[in-house]
Amino acid sequence: GRETLEFKMQQADGVIFASPVYTYNVSWIMKNFLDRFAYR
């Protein structure tokens, strides 16, 4: 679903990114999200 998610972000006027604190970092799924969009 990466392409669909990118389209949603492009179409939005604003995006809220939310994550819990896990060991002084973002959650692993938020980190994976960032990694998957590293090309941006």
ModelCIF file with pLDDT and N, C-alpha, C, O atoms, coordinates in Angstrom:
data_MODEL
#
_entry.id   MODEL 
#
_entity.id                         1 
_entity.type                       polymer 
_entity.pdbx_number_of_molecules   1 
#
_entity_poly.entity_id                      1 
_entity_poly.type                           'polypeptide(L)' 
_entity_poly.nstd_linkage                   no 
_entity_poly.nstd_monomer                   no 
_entity_poly.pdbx_seq_one_letter_code       GRETLEFKMQQADGVIFASPVYTYNVSWIMKNFLDRFAYR 
_entity_poly.pdbx_seq_one_letter_code_can   GRETLEFKMQQADGVIFASPVYTYNVSWIMKNFLDRFAYR 
_entity_poly.pdbx_strand_id                 A 
#
loop_
_entity_poly_seq.entity_id 
_entity_poly_seq.num 
_entity_poly_seq.mon_id 
_entity_poly_seq.hetero 
1 1  GLY n 
1 2  ARG n 
1 3  GLU n 
1 4  THR n 
1 5  LEU n 
1 6  GLU n 
1 7  PHE n 
1 8  LYS n 
1 9  MET n 
1 10 GLN n 
1 11 GLN n 
1 12 ALA n 
1 13 ASP n 
1 14 GLY n 
1 15 VAL n 
1 16 ILE n 
1 17 PHE n 
1 18 ALA n 
1 19 SER n 
1 20 PRO n 
1 21 VAL n 
1 22 TYR n 
1 23 THR n 
1 24 TYR n 
1 25 ASN n 
1 26 VAL n 
1 27 SER n 
1 28 TRP n 
1 29 ILE n 
1 30 MET n 
1 31 LYS n 
1 32 ASN n 
1 33 PHE n 
1 34 LEU n 
1 35 ASP n 
1 36 ARG n 
1 37 PHE n 
1 38 ALA n 
1 39 TYR n 
1 40 ARG n 
#
_struct_asym.id          A 
_struct_asym.entity_id   1 
#
loop_
_ma_qa_metric.id 
_ma_qa_metric.mode 
_ma_qa_metric.name 
_ma_qa_metric.software_group_id 
_ma_qa_metric.type 
1 global pLDDT . pLDDT 
2 local  pLDDT . pLDDT 
#
_ma_qa_metric_global.metric_id      1 
_ma_qa_metric_global.metric_value   96.75 
_ma_qa_metric_global.model_id       1 
_ma_qa_metric_global.ordinal_id     1 
#
loop_
_ma_qa_metric_local.label_asym_id 
_ma_qa_metric_local.label_comp_id 
_ma_qa_metric_local.label_seq_id 
_ma_qa_metric_local.metric_id 
_ma_qa_metric_local.metric_value 
_ma_qa_metric_local.model_id 
_ma_qa_metric_local.ordinal_id 
A GLY 1  2 96.00 1 1  
A ARG 2  2 96.00 1 2  
A GLU 3  2 96.00 1 3  
A THR 4  2 96.00 1 4  
A LEU 5  2 97.00 1 5  
A GLU 6  2 97.00 1 6  
A PHE 7  2 97.00 1 7  
A LYS 8  2 97.00 1 8  
A MET 9  2 98.00 1 9  
A GLN 10 2 96.00 1 10 
A GLN 11 2 97.00 1 11 
A ALA 12 2 98.00 1 12 
A ASP 13 2 97.00 1 13 
A GLY 14 2 98.00 1 14 
A VAL 15 2 98.00 1 15 
A ILE 16 2 98.00 1 16 
A PHE 17 2 98.00 1 17 
A ALA 18 2 98.00 1 18 
A SER 19 2 98.00 1 19 
A PRO 20 2 97.00 1 20 
A VAL 21 2 97.00 1 21 
A TYR 22 2 96.00 1 22 
A THR 23 2 94.00 1 23 
A TYR 24 2 95.00 1 24 
A ASN 25 2 96.00 1 25 
A VAL 26 2 98.00 1 26 
A SER 27 2 97.00 1 27 
A TRP 28 2 96.00 1 28 
A ILE 29 2 97.00 1 29 
A MET 30 2 98.00 1 30 
A LYS 31 2 97.00 1 31 
A ASN 32 2 97.00 1 32 
A PHE 33 2 98.00 1 33 
A LEU 34 2 97.00 1 34 
A ASP 35 2 97.00 1 35 
A ARG 36 2 97.00 1 36 
A PHE 37 2 97.00 1 37 
A ALA 38 2 95.00 1 38 
A TYR 39 2 94.00 1 39 
A ARG 40 2 94.00 1 40 
#
loop_
_atom_site.group_PDB 
_atom_site.id 
_atom_site.type_symbol 
_atom_site.label_atom_id 
_atom_site.label_alt_id 
_atom_site.label_comp_id 
_atom_site.label_asym_id 
_atom_site.label_entity_id 
_atom_site.label_seq_id 
_atom_site.pdbx_PDB_ins_code 
_atom_site.Cartn_x 
_atom_site.Cartn_y 
_atom_site.Cartn_z 
_atom_site.occupancy 
_atom_site.B_iso_or_equiv 
_atom_site.pdbx_formal_charge 
_atom_site.auth_seq_id 
_atom_site.auth_comp_id 
_atom_site.auth_asym_id 
_atom_site.auth_atom_id 
_atom_site.pdbx_PDB_model_num 
ATOM 1   N N  . GLY A 1 1  ? 0.778  -1.232 0.000  1.00 96.00 ? 1  GLY A N  1 
ATOM 2   C CA . GLY A 1 1  ? 0.000  0.000  0.000  1.00 96.00 ? 1  GLY A CA 1 
ATOM 3   C C  . GLY A 1 1  ? 0.808  1.280  0.000  1.00 96.00 ? 1  GLY A C  1 
ATOM 4   O O  . GLY A 1 1  ? 0.253  2.348  0.254  1.00 96.00 ? 1  GLY A O  1 
ATOM 5   N N  . ARG A 1 2  ? 2.114  1.209  -0.279 1.00 96.00 ? 2  ARG A N  1 
ATOM 6   C CA . ARG A 1 2  ? 2.961  2.401  -0.236 1.00 96.00 ? 2  ARG A CA 1 
ATOM 7   C C  . ARG A 1 2  ? 2.490  3.478  -1.207 1.00 96.00 ? 2  ARG A C  1 
ATOM 8   O O  . ARG A 1 2  ? 2.391  4.647  -0.836 1.00 96.00 ? 2  ARG A O  1 
ATOM 9   N N  . GLU A 1 3  ? 2.205  3.098  -2.425 1.00 96.00 ? 3  GLU A N  1 
ATOM 10  C CA . GLU A 1 3  ? 1.815  4.071  -3.447 1.00 96.00 ? 3  GLU A CA 1 
ATOM 11  C C  . GLU A 1 3  ? 0.511  4.772  -3.070 1.00 96.00 ? 3  GLU A C  1 
ATOM 12  O O  . GLU A 1 3  ? 0.373  5.981  -3.260 1.00 96.00 ? 3  GLU A O  1 
ATOM 13  N N  . THR A 1 4  ? -0.440 4.013  -2.537 1.00 96.00 ? 4  THR A N  1 
ATOM 14  C CA . THR A 1 4  ? -1.719 4.598  -2.111 1.00 96.00 ? 4  THR A CA 1 
ATOM 15  C C  . THR A 1 4  ? -1.517 5.569  -0.965 1.00 96.00 ? 4  THR A C  1 
ATOM 16  O O  . THR A 1 4  ? -2.139 6.630  -0.926 1.00 96.00 ? 4  THR A O  1 
ATOM 17  N N  . LEU A 1 5  ? -0.643 5.207  -0.028 1.00 97.00 ? 5  LEU A N  1 
ATOM 18  C CA . LEU A 1 5  ? -0.371 6.069  1.115  1.00 97.00 ? 5  LEU A CA 1 
ATOM 19  C C  . LEU A 1 5  ? 0.307  7.366  0.665  1.00 97.00 ? 5  LEU A C  1 
ATOM 20  O O  . LEU A 1 5  ? -0.008 8.441  1.175  1.00 97.00 ? 5  LEU A O  1 
ATOM 21  N N  . GLU A 1 6  ? 1.230  7.267  -0.282 1.00 97.00 ? 6  GLU A N  1 
ATOM 22  C CA . GLU A 1 6  ? 1.881  8.479  -0.781 1.00 97.00 ? 6  GLU A CA 1 
ATOM 23  C C  . GLU A 1 6  ? 0.867  9.395  -1.468 1.00 97.00 ? 6  GLU A C  1 
ATOM 24  O O  . GLU A 1 6  ? 0.923  10.615 -1.316 1.00 97.00 ? 6  GLU A O  1 
ATOM 25  N N  . PHE A 1 7  ? -0.051 8.806  -2.219 1.00 97.00 ? 7  PHE A N  1 
ATOM 26  C CA . PHE A 1 7  ? -1.089 9.597  -2.885 1.00 97.00 ? 7  PHE A CA 1 
ATOM 27  C C  . PHE A 1 7  ? -1.944 10.327 -1.857 1.00 97.00 ? 7  PHE A C  1 
ATOM 28  O O  . PHE A 1 7  ? -2.284 11.494 -2.054 1.00 97.00 ? 7  PHE A O  1 
ATOM 29  N N  . LYS A 1 8  ? -2.289 9.665  -0.778 1.00 97.00 ? 8  LYS A N  1 
ATOM 30  C CA . LYS A 1 8  ? -3.083 10.296 0.280  1.00 97.00 ? 8  LYS A CA 1 
ATOM 31  C C  . LYS A 1 8  ? -2.338 11.479 0.885  1.00 97.00 ? 8  LYS A C  1 
ATOM 32  O O  . LYS A 1 8  ? -2.943 12.517 1.151  1.00 97.00 ? 8  LYS A O  1 
ATOM 33  N N  . MET A 1 9  ? -1.034 11.336 1.105  1.00 98.00 ? 9  MET A N  1 
ATOM 34  C CA . MET A 1 9  ? -0.244 12.437 1.668  1.00 98.00 ? 9  MET A CA 1 
ATOM 35  C C  . MET A 1 9  ? -0.152 13.604 0.695  1.00 98.00 ? 9  MET A C  1 
ATOM 36  O O  . MET A 1 9  ? -0.210 14.765 1.101  1.00 98.00 ? 9  MET A O  1 
ATOM 37  N N  . GLN A 1 10 ? -0.010 13.294 -0.584 1.00 96.00 ? 10 GLN A N  1 
ATOM 38  C CA . GLN A 1 10 ? 0.069  14.350 -1.591 1.00 96.00 ? 10 GLN A CA 1 
ATOM 39  C C  . GLN A 1 10 ? -1.241 15.129 -1.690 1.00 96.00 ? 10 GLN A C  1 
ATOM 40  O O  . GLN A 1 10 ? -1.232 16.340 -1.911 1.00 96.00 ? 10 GLN A O  1 
ATOM 41  N N  . GLN A 1 11 ? -2.354 14.440 -1.527 1.00 97.00 ? 11 GLN A N  1 
ATOM 42  C CA . GLN A 1 11 ? -3.662 15.075 -1.672 1.00 97.00 ? 11 GLN A CA 1 
ATOM 43  C C  . GLN A 1 11 ? -4.078 15.872 -0.440 1.00 97.00 ? 11 GLN A C  1 
ATOM 44  O O  . GLN A 1 11 ? -4.932 16.754 -0.536 1.00 97.00 ? 11 GLN A O  1 
ATOM 45  N N  . ALA A 1 12 ? -3.493 15.577 0.704  1.00 98.00 ? 12 ALA A N  1 
ATOM 46  C CA . ALA A 1 12 ? -3.879 16.238 1.949  1.00 98.00 ? 12 ALA A CA 1 
ATOM 47  C C  . ALA A 1 12 ? -3.323 17.658 2.021  1.00 98.00 ? 12 ALA A C  1 
ATOM 48  O O  . ALA A 1 12 ? -2.235 17.933 1.516  1.00 98.00 ? 12 ALA A O  1 
ATOM 49  N N  . ASP A 1 13 ? -4.078 18.555 2.654  1.00 97.00 ? 13 ASP A N  1 
ATOM 50  C CA . ASP A 1 13 ? -3.584 19.913 2.902  1.00 97.00 ? 13 ASP A CA 1 
ATOM 51  C C  . ASP A 1 13 ? -2.605 19.927 4.074  1.00 97.00 ? 13 ASP A C  1 
ATOM 52  O O  . ASP A 1 13 ? -1.720 20.780 4.150  1.00 97.00 ? 13 ASP A O  1 
ATOM 53  N N  . GLY A 1 14 ? -2.775 18.982 4.974  1.00 98.00 ? 14 GLY A N  1 
ATOM 54  C CA . GLY A 1 14 ? -1.885 18.856 6.111  1.00 98.00 ? 14 GLY A CA 1 
ATOM 55  C C  . GLY A 1 14 ? -1.849 17.412 6.572  1.00 98.00 ? 14 GLY A C  1 
ATOM 56  O O  . GLY A 1 14 ? -2.829 16.679 6.434  1.00 98.00 ? 14 GLY A O  1 
ATOM 57  N N  . VAL A 1 15 ? -0.710 17.006 7.123  1.00 98.00 ? 15 VAL A N  1 
ATOM 58  C CA . VAL A 1 15 ? -0.553 15.629 7.589  1.00 98.00 ? 15 VAL A CA 1 
ATOM 59  C C  . VAL A 1 15 ? -0.099 15.642 9.049  1.00 98.00 ? 15 VAL A C  1 
ATOM 60  O O  . VAL A 1 15 ? 0.826  16.367 9.416  1.00 98.00 ? 15 VAL A O  1 
ATOM 61  N N  . ILE A 1 16 ? -0.759 14.836 9.872  1.00 98.00 ? 16 ILE A N  1 
ATOM 62  C CA . ILE A 1 16 ? -0.361 14.660 11.266 1.00 98.00 ? 16 ILE A CA 1 
ATOM 63  C C  . ILE A 1 16 ? 0.369  13.325 11.382 1.00 98.00 ? 16 ILE A C  1 
ATOM 64  O O  . ILE A 1 16 ? -0.177 12.279 11.031 1.00 98.00 ? 16 ILE A O  1 
ATOM 65  N N  . PHE A 1 17 ? 1.603  13.367 11.875 1.00 98.00 ? 17 PHE A N  1 
ATOM 66  C CA . PHE A 1 17 ? 2.387  12.157 12.085 1.00 98.00 ? 17 PHE A CA 1 
ATOM 67  C C  . PHE A 1 17 ? 2.485  11.919 13.587 1.00 98.00 ? 17 PHE A C  1 
ATOM 68  O O  . PHE A 1 17 ? 2.985  12.768 14.326 1.00 98.00 ? 17 PHE A O  1 
ATOM 69  N N  . ALA A 1 18 ? 2.011  10.775 14.029 1.00 98.00 ? 18 ALA A N  1 
ATOM 70  C CA . ALA A 1 18 ? 1.951  10.513 15.465 1.00 98.00 ? 18 ALA A CA 1 
ATOM 71  C C  . ALA A 1 18 ? 2.605  9.184  15.811 1.00 98.00 ? 18 ALA A C  1 
ATOM 72  O O  . ALA A 1 18 ? 2.408  8.184  15.120 1.00 98.00 ? 18 ALA A O  1 
ATOM 73  N N  . SER A 1 19 ? 3.384  9.182  16.885 1.00 98.00 ? 19 SER A N  1 
ATOM 74  C CA . SER A 1 19 ? 4.058  7.963  17.316 1.00 98.00 ? 19 SER A CA 1 
ATOM 75  C C  . SER A 1 19 ? 4.218  7.952  18.833 1.00 98.00 ? 19 SER A C  1 
ATOM 76  O O  . SER A 1 19 ? 4.421  9.000  19.446 1.00 98.00 ? 19 SER A O  1 
ATOM 77  N N  . PRO A 1 20 ? 4.128  6.779  19.431 1.00 97.00 ? 20 PRO A N  1 
ATOM 78  C CA . PRO A 1 20 ? 4.491  6.681  20.839 1.00 97.00 ? 20 PRO A CA 1 
ATOM 79  C C  . PRO A 1 20 ? 6.012  6.679  20.981 1.00 97.00 ? 20 PRO A C  1 
ATOM 80  O O  . PRO A 1 20 ? 6.724  6.408  20.014 1.00 97.00 ? 20 PRO A O  1 
ATOM 81  N N  . VAL A 1 21 ? 6.505  6.974  22.163 1.00 97.00 ? 21 VAL A N  1 
ATOM 82  C CA . VAL A 1 21 ? 7.936  6.899  22.439 1.00 97.00 ? 21 VAL A CA 1 
ATOM 83  C C  . VAL A 1 21 ? 8.274  5.469  22.839 1.00 97.00 ? 21 VAL A C  1 
ATOM 84  O O  . VAL A 1 21 ? 7.744  4.950  23.821 1.00 97.00 ? 21 VAL A O  1 
ATOM 85  N N  . TYR A 1 22 ? 9.154  4.838  22.075 1.00 96.00 ? 22 TYR A N  1 
ATOM 86  C CA . TYR A 1 22 ? 9.648  3.495  22.400 1.00 96.00 ? 22 TYR A CA 1 
ATOM 87  C C  . TYR A 1 22 ? 11.168 3.570  22.513 1.00 96.00 ? 22 TYR A C  1 
ATOM 88  O O  . TYR A 1 22 ? 11.854 3.824  21.523 1.00 96.00 ? 22 TYR A O  1 
ATOM 89  N N  . THR A 1 23 ? 11.687 3.355  23.700 1.00 94.00 ? 23 THR A N  1 
ATOM 90  C CA . THR A 1 23 ? 13.133 3.407  23.971 1.00 94.00 ? 23 THR A CA 1 
ATOM 91  C C  . THR A 1 23 ? 13.780 4.648  23.346 1.00 94.00 ? 23 THR A C  1 
ATOM 92  O O  . THR A 1 23 ? 14.753 4.548  22.599 1.00 94.00 ? 23 THR A O  1 
ATOM 93  N N  . TYR A 1 24 ? 13.227 5.797  23.664 1.00 95.00 ? 24 TYR A N  1 
ATOM 94  C CA . TYR A 1 24 ? 13.728 7.088  23.194 1.00 95.00 ? 24 TYR A CA 1 
ATOM 95  C C  . TYR A 1 24 ? 13.788 7.174  21.676 1.00 95.00 ? 24 TYR A C  1 
ATOM 96  O O  . TYR A 1 24 ? 14.727 7.735  21.111 1.00 95.00 ? 24 TYR A O  1 
ATOM 97  N N  . ASN A 1 25 ? 12.788 6.618  21.030 1.00 96.00 ? 25 ASN A N  1 
ATOM 98  C CA . ASN A 1 25 ? 12.713 6.705  19.573 1.00 96.00 ? 25 ASN A CA 1 
ATOM 99  C C  . ASN A 1 25 ? 11.253 6.540  19.164 1.00 96.00 ? 25 ASN A C  1 
ATOM 100 O O  . ASN A 1 25 ? 10.380 6.305  19.999 1.00 96.00 ? 25 ASN A O  1 
ATOM 101 N N  . VAL A 1 26 ? 11.006 6.669  17.863 1.00 98.00 ? 26 VAL A N  1 
ATOM 102 C CA . VAL A 1 26 ? 9.664  6.395  17.356 1.00 98.00 ? 26 VAL A CA 1 
ATOM 103 C C  . VAL A 1 26 ? 9.438  4.888  17.387 1.00 98.00 ? 26 VAL A C  1 
ATOM 104 O O  . VAL A 1 26 ? 10.378 4.115  17.570 1.00 98.00 ? 26 VAL A O  1 
ATOM 105 N N  . SER A 1 27 ? 8.197  4.481  17.209 1.00 97.00 ? 27 SER A N  1 
ATOM 106 C CA . SER A 1 27 ? 7.890  3.053  17.166 1.00 97.00 ? 27 SER A CA 1 
ATOM 107 C C  . SER A 1 27 ? 8.514  2.411  15.928 1.00 97.00 ? 27 SER A C  1 
ATOM 108 O O  . SER A 1 27 ? 8.877  3.099  14.975 1.00 97.00 ? 27 SER A O  1 
ATOM 109 N N  . TRP A 1 28 ? 8.634  1.093  15.956 1.00 96.00 ? 28 TRP A N  1 
ATOM 110 C CA . TRP A 1 28 ? 9.264  0.427  14.819 1.00 96.00 ? 28 TRP A CA 1 
ATOM 111 C C  . TRP A 1 28 ? 8.435  0.589  13.548 1.00 96.00 ? 28 TRP A C  1 
ATOM 112 O O  . TRP A 1 28 ? 9.002  0.663  12.458 1.00 96.00 ? 28 TRP A O  1 
ATOM 113 N N  . ILE A 1 29 ? 7.100  0.647  13.660 1.00 97.00 ? 29 ILE A N  1 
ATOM 114 C CA . ILE A 1 29 ? 6.297  0.783  12.436 1.00 97.00 ? 29 ILE A CA 1 
ATOM 115 C C  . ILE A 1 29 ? 6.379  2.200  11.870 1.00 97.00 ? 29 ILE A C  1 
ATOM 116 O O  . ILE A 1 29 ? 6.261  2.391  10.659 1.00 97.00 ? 29 ILE A O  1 
ATOM 117 N N  . MET A 1 30 ? 6.582  3.194  12.740 1.00 98.00 ? 30 MET A N  1 
ATOM 118 C CA . MET A 1 30 ? 6.805  4.548  12.222 1.00 98.00 ? 30 MET A CA 1 
ATOM 119 C C  . MET A 1 30 ? 8.184  4.631  11.573 1.00 98.00 ? 30 MET A C  1 
ATOM 120 O O  . MET A 1 30 ? 8.351  5.290  10.547 1.00 98.00 ? 30 MET A O  1 
ATOM 121 N N  . LYS A 1 31 ? 9.167  3.967  12.168 1.00 97.00 ? 31 LYS A N  1 
ATOM 122 C CA . LYS A 1 31 ? 10.508 3.941  11.568 1.00 97.00 ? 31 LYS A CA 1 
ATOM 123 C C  . LYS A 1 31 ? 10.469 3.245  10.219 1.00 97.00 ? 31 LYS A C  1 
ATOM 124 O O  . LYS A 1 31 ? 11.117 3.692  9.273  1.00 97.00 ? 31 LYS A O  1 
ATOM 125 N N  . ASN A 1 32 ? 9.710  2.144  10.118 1.00 97.00 ? 32 ASN A N  1 
ATOM 126 C CA . ASN A 1 32 ? 9.586  1.462  8.831  1.00 97.00 ? 32 ASN A CA 1 
ATOM 127 C C  . ASN A 1 32 ? 8.902  2.358  7.803  1.00 97.00 ? 32 ASN A C  1 
ATOM 128 O O  . ASN A 1 32 ? 9.267  2.355  6.627  1.00 97.00 ? 32 ASN A O  1 
ATOM 129 N N  . PHE A 1 33 ? 7.904  3.128  8.253  1.00 98.00 ? 33 PHE A N  1 
ATOM 130 C CA . PHE A 1 33 ? 7.241  4.088  7.365  1.00 98.00 ? 33 PHE A CA 1 
ATOM 131 C C  . PHE A 1 33 ? 8.268  5.079  6.812  1.00 98.00 ? 33 PHE A C  1 
ATOM 132 O O  . PHE A 1 33 ? 8.286  5.350  5.611  1.00 98.00 ? 33 PHE A O  1 
ATOM 133 N N  . LEU A 1 34 ? 9.113  5.611  7.677  1.00 97.00 ? 34 LEU A N  1 
ATOM 134 C CA . LEU A 1 34 ? 10.137 6.559  7.238  1.00 97.00 ? 34 LEU A CA 1 
ATOM 135 C C  . LEU A 1 34 ? 11.124 5.894  6.281  1.00 97.00 ? 34 LEU A C  1 
ATOM 136 O O  . LEU A 1 34 ? 11.538 6.492  5.287  1.00 97.00 ? 34 LEU A O  1 
ATOM 137 N N  . ASP A 1 35 ? 11.491 4.665  6.589  1.00 97.00 ? 35 ASP A N  1 
ATOM 138 C CA . ASP A 1 35 ? 12.427 3.937  5.713  1.00 97.00 ? 35 ASP A CA 1 
ATOM 139 C C  . ASP A 1 35 ? 11.823 3.671  4.343  1.00 97.00 ? 35 ASP A C  1 
ATOM 140 O O  . ASP A 1 35 ? 12.510 3.787  3.328  1.00 97.00 ? 35 ASP A O  1 
ATOM 141 N N  . ARG A 1 36 ? 10.544 3.315  4.307  1.00 97.00 ? 36 ARG A N  1 
ATOM 142 C CA . ARG A 1 36 ? 9.891  3.017  3.034  1.00 97.00 ? 36 ARG A CA 1 
ATOM 143 C C  . ARG A 1 36 ? 9.777  4.253  2.151  1.00 97.00 ? 36 ARG A C  1 
ATOM 144 O O  . ARG A 1 36 ? 9.683  4.139  0.929  1.00 97.00 ? 36 ARG A O  1 
ATOM 145 N N  . PHE A 1 37 ? 9.785  5.436  2.767  1.00 97.00 ? 37 PHE A N  1 
ATOM 146 C CA . PHE A 1 37 ? 9.708  6.678  1.990  1.00 97.00 ? 37 PHE A CA 1 
ATOM 147 C C  . PHE A 1 37 ? 11.050 7.409  1.960  1.00 97.00 ? 37 PHE A C  1 
ATOM 148 O O  . PHE A 1 37 ? 11.102 8.617  1.731  1.00 97.00 ? 37 PHE A O  1 
ATOM 149 N N  . ALA A 1 38 ? 12.125 6.671  2.190  1.00 95.00 ? 38 ALA A N  1 
ATOM 150 C CA . ALA A 1 38 ? 13.457 7.278  2.200  1.00 95.00 ? 38 ALA A CA 1 
ATOM 151 C C  . ALA A 1 38 ? 13.810 7.921  0.859  1.00 95.00 ? 38 ALA A C  1 
ATOM 152 O O  . ALA A 1 38 ? 14.582 8.878  0.810  1.00 95.00 ? 38 ALA A O  1 
ATOM 153 N N  . TYR A 1 39 ? 13.246 7.397  -0.221 1.00 94.00 ? 39 TYR A N  1 
ATOM 154 C CA . TYR A 1 39 ? 13.529 7.964  -1.544 1.00 94.00 ? 39 TYR A CA 1 
ATOM 155 C C  . TYR A 1 39 ? 13.037 9.404  -1.659 1.00 94.00 ? 39 TYR A C  1 
ATOM 156 O O  . TYR A 1 39 ? 13.495 10.144 -2.529 1.00 94.00 ? 39 TYR A O  1 
ATOM 157 N N  . ARG A 1 40 ? 12.120 9.806  -0.800 1.00 94.00 ? 40 ARG A N  1 
ATOM 158 C CA . ARG A 1 40 ? 11.628 11.182 -0.818 1.00 94.00 ? 40 ARG A CA 1 
ATOM 159 C C  . ARG A 1 40 ? 12.568 12.141 -0.077 1.00 94.00 ? 40 ARG A C  1 
ATOM 160 O O  . ARG A 1 40 ? 12.294 13.339 -0.003 1.00 94.00 ? 40 ARG A O  1 
#
